């Protein structure tokens, strides 16, 4: 998939935008240092060029991404018919001082405004350093199950007549 197609989909497709701007956490898939797969929910911000999230420096995903930066993300809603944004990409990890602004912003968008000040204060107190993970998408796809249905399902429906 061409990089321009990836970013066009992520930045211009209405379903992709709706999912990216929602409060739904992304699910991050990566390969742990023991070679087994992991999937975890993460709060993120999408900058238009990368998914950015913060993590404790000693979190297992930080070490794993240092060994194998290939990842996948999904953001799915629970409406019917469902919508899904699927992303593959490469992660880079940077250690930053304090609670990264991207980490704070990612978490604030998921909580009521009355908790913001307390969360920001607690994050500033908790983190002397943080791993800032930036995921640059290399592939993306949207399924809305109205006009964009997984090909295997289309084939199954055609086989059934």
Protein backbone atom coordinates (compact mmCIF):
# COMPACT_ATOMS: atom_id res chain seq x y z
CA UNK A 1 0.00 0.00 0.00
CA UNK A 2 1.38 3.41 -0.93
CA UNK A 3 2.13 5.75 1.96
CA UNK A 4 -0.02 8.43 0.33
CA UNK A 5 -2.99 6.00 0.25
CA UNK A 6 -2.50 5.16 3.94
CA UNK A 7 -2.52 8.80 5.01
CA UNK A 8 -5.37 9.72 2.67
CA UNK A 9 -7.50 7.00 4.26
CA UNK A 10 -6.55 7.95 7.83
CA UNK A 11 -6.97 11.68 7.33
CA UNK A 12 -9.87 11.89 4.87
CA UNK A 13 -12.09 8.81 5.15
CA UNK A 14 -15.18 9.71 7.23
CA UNK A 15 -15.38 6.32 8.98
CA UNK A 16 -11.67 6.33 9.79
CA UNK A 17 -11.93 9.89 11.13
CA UNK A 18 -14.95 9.00 13.26
CA UNK A 19 -13.11 6.07 14.83
CA UNK A 20 -9.88 8.05 15.32
CA UNK A 21 -11.74 10.89 17.02
CA UNK A 22 -13.81 8.58 19.24
CA UNK A 23 -13.02 7.71 22.84
CA UNK A 24 -12.61 4.04 21.89
CA UNK A 25 -9.16 2.75 22.89
CA UNK A 26 -6.98 1.22 20.22
CA UNK A 27 -5.89 -2.38 20.56
CA UNK A 28 -2.15 -2.68 20.03
CA UNK A 29 -0.75 -6.01 18.86
CA UNK A 30 2.96 -6.74 19.12
CA UNK A 31 5.35 -9.65 19.63
CA UNK A 32 6.66 -9.98 23.19
CA UNK A 33 10.32 -10.68 23.91
CA UNK A 34 9.42 -14.36 24.52
CA UNK A 35 8.14 -14.56 20.92
CA UNK A 36 4.44 -14.80 21.78
CA UNK A 37 1.79 -12.36 20.54
CA UNK A 38 0.21 -9.72 22.78
CA UNK A 39 -2.81 -7.46 22.33
CA UNK A 40 -3.42 -4.62 24.78
CA UNK A 41 -5.76 -1.63 24.91
CA UNK A 42 -3.99 1.73 24.64
CA UNK A 43 -4.93 5.39 24.78
CA UNK A 44 -3.41 7.25 21.84
CA UNK A 45 -3.39 10.46 19.87
CA UNK A 46 -3.22 10.44 16.09
CA UNK A 47 -1.15 13.35 14.81
CA UNK A 48 -2.10 12.90 11.16
CA UNK A 49 1.21 11.09 10.62
CA UNK A 50 1.58 8.76 13.60
CA UNK A 51 -0.22 7.14 16.51
CA UNK A 52 1.48 8.31 19.70
CA UNK A 53 1.13 6.79 23.15
CA UNK A 54 3.00 6.91 26.41
CA UNK A 55 4.09 4.06 28.65
CA UNK A 56 6.16 3.42 31.75
CA UNK A 57 9.76 2.88 30.69
CA UNK A 58 9.79 -0.62 32.23
CA UNK A 59 6.56 -1.82 30.60
CA UNK A 60 6.97 -5.12 28.73
CA UNK A 61 5.87 -3.55 25.43
CA UNK A 62 8.78 -1.08 25.53
CA UNK A 63 11.40 -3.85 25.56
CA UNK A 64 9.44 -5.87 23.00
CA UNK A 65 9.16 -2.95 20.56
CA UNK A 66 12.90 -2.39 20.87
CA UNK A 67 13.43 -5.94 19.57
CA UNK A 68 10.61 -6.04 17.01
CA UNK A 69 8.98 -2.72 16.05
CA UNK A 70 6.32 -4.25 13.76
CA UNK A 71 2.85 -3.67 15.23
CA UNK A 72 -0.83 -3.69 14.36
CA UNK A 73 -3.63 -1.51 15.75
CA UNK A 74 -7.36 -1.80 15.55
CA UNK A 75 -10.12 0.56 16.62
CA UNK A 76 -13.59 -0.99 16.54
CA UNK A 77 -16.96 0.37 17.54
CA UNK A 78 -19.80 -1.66 19.01
CA UNK A 79 -22.61 -0.33 16.87
CA UNK A 80 -24.47 -2.44 14.32
CA UNK A 81 -23.28 -2.74 11.69
CA UNK A 82 -19.82 -2.39 13.25
CA UNK A 83 -17.00 -0.28 11.90
CA UNK A 84 -13.32 -1.18 12.19
CA UNK A 85 -10.09 0.61 11.42
CA UNK A 86 -7.14 -1.72 10.93
CA UNK A 87 -3.59 -0.36 10.86
CA UNK A 88 -0.15 -1.90 10.51
CA UNK A 89 3.01 0.02 11.15
CA UNK A 90 6.42 0.38 12.70
CA UNK A 91 6.98 1.67 16.22
CA UNK A 92 9.79 3.80 17.53
CA UNK A 93 10.39 4.35 21.22
CA UNK A 94 11.87 7.52 22.67
CA UNK A 95 12.52 8.05 26.37
CA UNK A 96 11.36 11.51 27.43
CA UNK A 97 11.48 13.40 30.69
CA UNK A 98 8.27 13.62 32.68
CA UNK A 99 4.77 12.78 31.49
CA UNK A 100 4.70 13.37 27.74
CA UNK A 101 2.02 15.84 26.57
CA UNK A 102 0.80 13.23 24.07
CA UNK A 103 0.23 10.74 26.90
CA UNK A 104 -1.74 13.29 28.88
CA UNK A 105 -3.79 14.31 25.82
CA UNK A 106 -4.52 10.67 24.92
CA UNK A 107 -5.90 9.97 28.36
CA UNK A 108 -7.79 13.24 28.78
CA UNK A 109 -9.88 12.59 25.69
CA UNK A 110 -11.24 9.48 27.40
CA UNK A 111 -12.31 11.04 30.69
CA UNK A 112 -14.77 13.68 31.86
CA UNK A 113 -13.39 17.22 32.05
CA UNK A 114 -13.80 17.38 35.85
CA UNK A 115 -11.01 14.79 36.22
CA UNK A 116 -8.50 16.51 33.92
CA UNK A 117 -6.64 18.65 36.49
CA UNK A 118 -6.26 15.74 38.91
CA UNK A 119 -5.05 13.40 36.15
CA UNK A 120 -2.49 15.93 34.89
CA UNK A 121 -1.19 16.50 38.44
CA UNK A 122 -0.94 12.75 39.13
CA UNK A 123 0.81 12.06 35.81
CA UNK A 124 3.33 14.84 36.46
CA UNK A 125 4.04 13.42 39.93
CA UNK A 126 4.27 9.81 38.77
CA UNK A 127 6.54 10.03 35.75
CA UNK A 128 10.16 11.16 36.00
CA UNK A 129 10.61 9.54 32.59
CA UNK A 130 8.26 7.96 30.09
CA UNK A 131 8.58 5.87 26.95
CA UNK A 132 6.91 7.73 24.12
CA UNK A 133 5.87 5.25 21.43
CA UNK A 134 5.25 6.56 17.94
CA UNK A 135 3.67 4.24 15.39
CA UNK A 136 4.04 5.25 11.76
CA UNK A 137 1.33 3.54 9.70
CA UNK A 138 2.43 1.54 6.67
CA UNK A 139 -0.98 0.03 5.84
CA UNK A 140 -4.58 0.83 6.77
CA UNK A 141 -8.06 -0.45 5.96
CA UNK A 142 -11.61 0.40 7.02
CA UNK A 143 -14.53 -1.98 7.23
CA UNK A 144 -17.95 -0.40 7.74
CA UNK A 145 -19.89 -3.59 6.94
CA UNK A 146 -22.21 -1.53 4.72
CA UNK A 147 -20.08 -0.55 1.74
CA UNK A 148 -16.75 -2.10 2.81
CA UNK A 149 -16.99 -5.72 3.87
CA UNK A 150 -14.08 -8.15 4.28
CA UNK A 151 -13.51 -9.96 1.00
CA UNK A 152 -13.89 -13.40 2.60
CA UNK A 153 -17.38 -12.44 3.77
CA UNK A 154 -18.32 -11.14 0.33
CA UNK A 155 -17.18 -14.42 -1.21
CA UNK A 156 -19.15 -16.39 1.37
CA UNK A 157 -22.31 -14.38 0.66
CA UNK A 158 -21.83 -14.91 -3.09
CA UNK A 159 -21.36 -18.65 -2.55
CA UNK A 160 -24.62 -18.76 -0.58
CA UNK A 161 -26.47 -17.09 -3.42
